[in-house]
Protein backbone atom coordinates (compact mmCIF):
# COMPACT_ATOMS: atom_id res chain seq x y z
CA MET A 1 -59.89 -2.68 -19.34
CA LYS A 2 -58.13 -2.90 -16.50
CA LYS A 3 -57.06 0.62 -17.18
CA LEU A 4 -60.20 1.94 -16.80
CA LEU A 5 -60.74 0.60 -14.04
CA LEU A 6 -58.31 1.94 -12.44
CA PHE A 7 -58.42 4.93 -13.89
CA ALA A 8 -62.27 5.40 -12.39
CA PHE A 9 -61.28 4.26 -8.93
CA GLY A 10 -57.96 6.71 -8.78
CA LEU A 11 -60.66 10.02 -10.10
CA LEU A 12 -62.95 8.69 -7.41
CA ILE A 13 -60.18 8.19 -4.81
CA ILE A 14 -59.55 12.15 -5.97
CA ASN A 15 -62.87 13.00 -5.69
CA SER A 16 -63.87 11.33 -2.50
CA VAL A 17 -60.39 13.79 -1.01
CA SER A 18 -61.43 16.90 -2.34
CA ALA A 19 -64.45 16.81 -1.04
CA GLN A 20 -63.69 15.59 2.28
CA SER A 21 -61.65 18.38 2.68
CA PHE A 22 -63.85 20.64 0.73
CA THR A 23 -66.49 19.98 3.78
CA ASP A 24 -64.25 19.54 6.81
CA LYS A 25 -64.25 23.66 5.94
CA ILE A 26 -67.99 23.71 6.90
CA SER A 27 -69.66 24.61 9.88
CA PHE A 28 -72.97 25.64 10.21
CA GLY A 29 -75.47 25.99 13.41
CA GLY A 30 -77.54 28.75 15.26
CA GLY A 31 -78.55 29.86 17.85
CA LEU A 32 -80.37 32.70 19.93
CA SER A 33 -78.97 36.41 19.60
CA TYR A 34 -80.06 39.80 21.57
CA GLY A 35 -80.35 43.10 19.81
CA THR A 36 -79.67 46.08 22.36
CA GLU A 37 -81.94 48.62 20.30
CA ILE A 38 -84.81 47.05 19.34
CA GLU A 39 -84.32 45.07 23.00
CA LYS A 40 -85.47 42.04 22.08
CA LEU A 41 -84.54 38.11 20.70
CA GLY A 42 -83.65 36.63 18.21
CA ILE A 43 -83.15 32.88 16.22
CA ASN A 44 -79.83 32.95 14.19
CA PHE A 45 -78.58 30.57 11.60
CA LYS A 46 -74.95 30.63 10.63
CA GLY A 47 -72.61 28.83 8.14
CA ILE A 48 -69.05 29.52 8.11
CA TYR A 49 -66.37 28.79 5.35
CA GLU A 50 -62.59 27.76 6.77
CA ILE A 51 -60.67 30.08 4.04
CA THR A 52 -56.97 29.36 5.83
CA GLU A 53 -56.23 28.50 9.59
CA LYS A 54 -56.74 31.55 10.65
CA ILE A 55 -59.01 33.70 8.34
CA HIS A 56 -62.96 32.30 7.92
CA GLY A 57 -65.71 33.55 6.08
CA SER A 58 -69.20 33.85 7.82
CA LEU A 59 -72.61 33.96 6.77
CA ASN A 60 -75.24 34.94 8.88
CA PHE A 61 -79.12 35.96 9.29
CA THR A 62 -81.05 37.09 12.40
CA TYR A 63 -84.94 37.34 12.80
CA PHE A 64 -85.47 39.39 15.78
CA PHE A 65 -88.40 38.28 17.00
CA THR A 66 -91.84 41.01 17.29
CA LYS A 67 -92.30 43.54 19.33
CA LYS A 68 -95.44 44.70 20.08
CA GLU A 69 -97.08 48.19 22.20
CA ASP A 70 -100.83 49.03 23.21
CA ILE A 71 -100.22 52.86 22.79
CA GLY A 72 -104.40 53.37 24.70
CA VAL A 73 -106.49 51.54 21.42
CA VAL A 74 -103.69 51.77 19.08
CA GLU A 75 -100.90 48.40 18.61
CA TRP A 76 -97.59 49.42 17.06
CA LYS A 77 -95.62 46.55 15.87
CA TRP A 78 -91.76 46.68 14.79
CA SER A 79 -89.75 43.66 13.29
CA LEU A 80 -86.85 42.98 12.33
CA TRP A 81 -84.35 40.94 10.27
CA GLU A 82 -80.36 41.25 10.02
CA LEU A 83 -78.37 39.54 6.83
CA ASN A 84 -73.94 39.45 8.03
CA PHE A 85 -71.23 39.19 5.94
CA ASP A 86 -68.39 38.63 8.41
CA GLY A 87 -64.61 37.84 8.50
CA HIS A 88 -63.51 36.68 11.30
CA TYR A 89 -59.22 36.59 11.63
CA VAL A 90 -58.43 34.06 14.62
CA PHE A 91 -55.87 35.13 16.91
CA THR A 92 -55.63 31.84 19.12
CA SER A 93 -56.73 28.71 18.59
CA SER A 94 -55.89 25.31 20.37
CA ASP A 95 -57.69 22.18 19.38
CA LYS A 96 -60.46 22.85 22.47
CA PHE A 97 -61.13 26.99 22.47
CA SER A 98 -60.69 29.87 19.93
CA ALA A 99 -61.25 33.39 19.93
CA TYR A 100 -61.29 35.71 16.79
CA GLY A 101 -61.96 39.29 15.54
CA LEU A 102 -64.29 39.92 13.68
CA ALA A 103 -65.61 42.90 11.03
CA GLY A 104 -67.98 43.00 7.82
CA ILE A 105 -71.09 43.99 6.02
CA ASN A 106 -74.27 44.34 7.36
CA ILE A 107 -77.73 44.50 5.73
CA THR A 108 -80.54 45.26 8.57
CA HIS A 109 -84.25 45.46 7.14
CA TRP A 110 -86.97 46.70 9.72
CA GLY A 111 -90.83 47.65 9.36
CA THR A 112 -93.10 49.11 11.62
CA LYS A 113 -96.78 48.53 11.63
CA TRP A 114 -99.70 50.42 13.00
CA GLU A 115 -103.11 49.53 13.67
CA GLY A 116 -105.91 51.20 16.05
CA ASP A 117 -109.52 52.65 16.42
CA THR A 118 -109.32 55.96 16.87
CA TYR A 119 -112.21 58.49 17.66
CA GLY A 120 -114.16 56.04 15.15
CA TYR A 121 -111.81 55.74 12.50
CA TYR A 122 -109.40 52.56 11.73
CA HIS A 123 -106.01 53.79 11.14
CA ASN A 124 -103.74 50.69 9.90
CA PHE A 125 -100.03 52.37 8.64
CA ASP A 126 -97.33 49.92 7.65
CA ASN A 127 -93.68 51.21 6.56
CA SER A 128 -90.09 49.57 5.69
CA ASP A 129 -86.39 50.20 5.07
CA THR A 130 -83.94 48.13 4.71
CA ASP A 131 -80.19 49.94 5.24
CA ILE A 132 -76.18 48.72 4.75
CA GLY A 133 -73.71 48.67 7.51
CA LEU A 134 -70.92 47.88 8.90
CA ASN A 135 -69.87 45.55 11.28
CA ILE A 136 -66.98 44.55 13.57
CA GLY A 137 -66.52 43.11 17.06
CA GLY A 138 -65.52 39.60 18.07
CA GLY A 139 -66.05 35.86 19.47
CA ALA A 140 -65.38 32.39 20.48
CA THR A 141 -66.01 29.07 19.64
CA TYR A 142 -65.07 25.88 22.21
CA ASN A 143 -65.43 22.62 20.85
CA PHE A 144 -67.36 20.31 22.77
CA THR A 145 -66.58 17.30 20.43
CA GLY A 146 -65.00 16.46 16.65
CA SER A 147 -68.06 17.87 14.98
CA LEU A 148 -70.15 19.84 18.06
CA SER A 149 -68.55 23.05 19.20
CA GLY A 150 -70.45 26.38 21.02
CA PHE A 151 -69.78 29.86 19.84
CA GLY A 152 -70.60 33.14 21.66
CA GLU A 153 -70.39 36.41 19.78
CA ILE A 154 -70.58 39.93 20.66
CA LYS A 155 -70.89 42.58 17.08
CA TYR A 156 -71.57 46.28 16.88
CA VAL A 157 -74.18 47.30 13.98
CA VAL A 158 -72.69 50.53 12.42
CA SER A 159 -75.62 52.32 9.99
CA ASN A 160 -78.94 54.33 10.20
CA TYR A 161 -80.02 51.49 12.83
CA ASP A 162 -77.43 50.84 15.06
CA GLN A 163 -77.39 48.42 17.76
CA ALA A 164 -75.22 45.87 19.36
CA VAL A 165 -75.93 42.30 18.78
CA ILE A 166 -75.49 39.26 21.41
CA THR A 167 -74.97 35.68 20.11
CA PHE A 168 -74.36 32.72 21.56
CA GLY A 169 -75.51 29.14 20.12
CA VAL A 170 -74.23 25.90 18.33
CA LEU A 171 -72.13 25.56 15.24
CA TYR A 172 -72.24 21.54 13.35
CA HIS A 173 -68.84 20.98 11.70
CA LEU A 174 -69.50 18.46 8.35
C-alpha cells in the first residue's frame, strides 16, 4: 500500500512539474489594432506559445470596426477580420524587454453591403471574399511584472487585401 501511495504521489509531482513547464510557455491577451487600408481601429486577441527561447508561435485574430459611408441615399458598409498564424524569432531579450521579427500566414475576410433607396427602388447588395496571404513584420514586448507585459507590433499583410497593421496591447503569462 505504501508503494502504491508513493507511486501515486510521484506521478502527481511529475504531472504538476510538466504542467507547470507547459503553462510557463503560454501567454494570451489582446489590444487595439489599426489597419492602414480599412483606416479603422480593430480589436485584437492574441495567444503565444514559446517553442524555444528564441522561437515563438503566435495565433491572433483581429476584428476591425465596420467602416460606414453615406453616398447620397445609399449607405455603404465594409467589414474586415484577419486570422494570423505567425512565427516569432527573438533577436534580443532581457528580463524586461525583447524584440522579435515575425513572418506568417494571414487569412483575411472582408464583406461589403450597399443599402438604399434610389429613384424609388430599394437596393440591397451583399458581397464578401476570403483570401490567404503572408505576414512580415516585427514587434517588441516589455515586462511590467512576472505575469504581465505590454507589446507593440507592426506587420504588413501581402495578399489581395494588402495593408499594414499596427497593434498595441497587453499579454498575461500563465
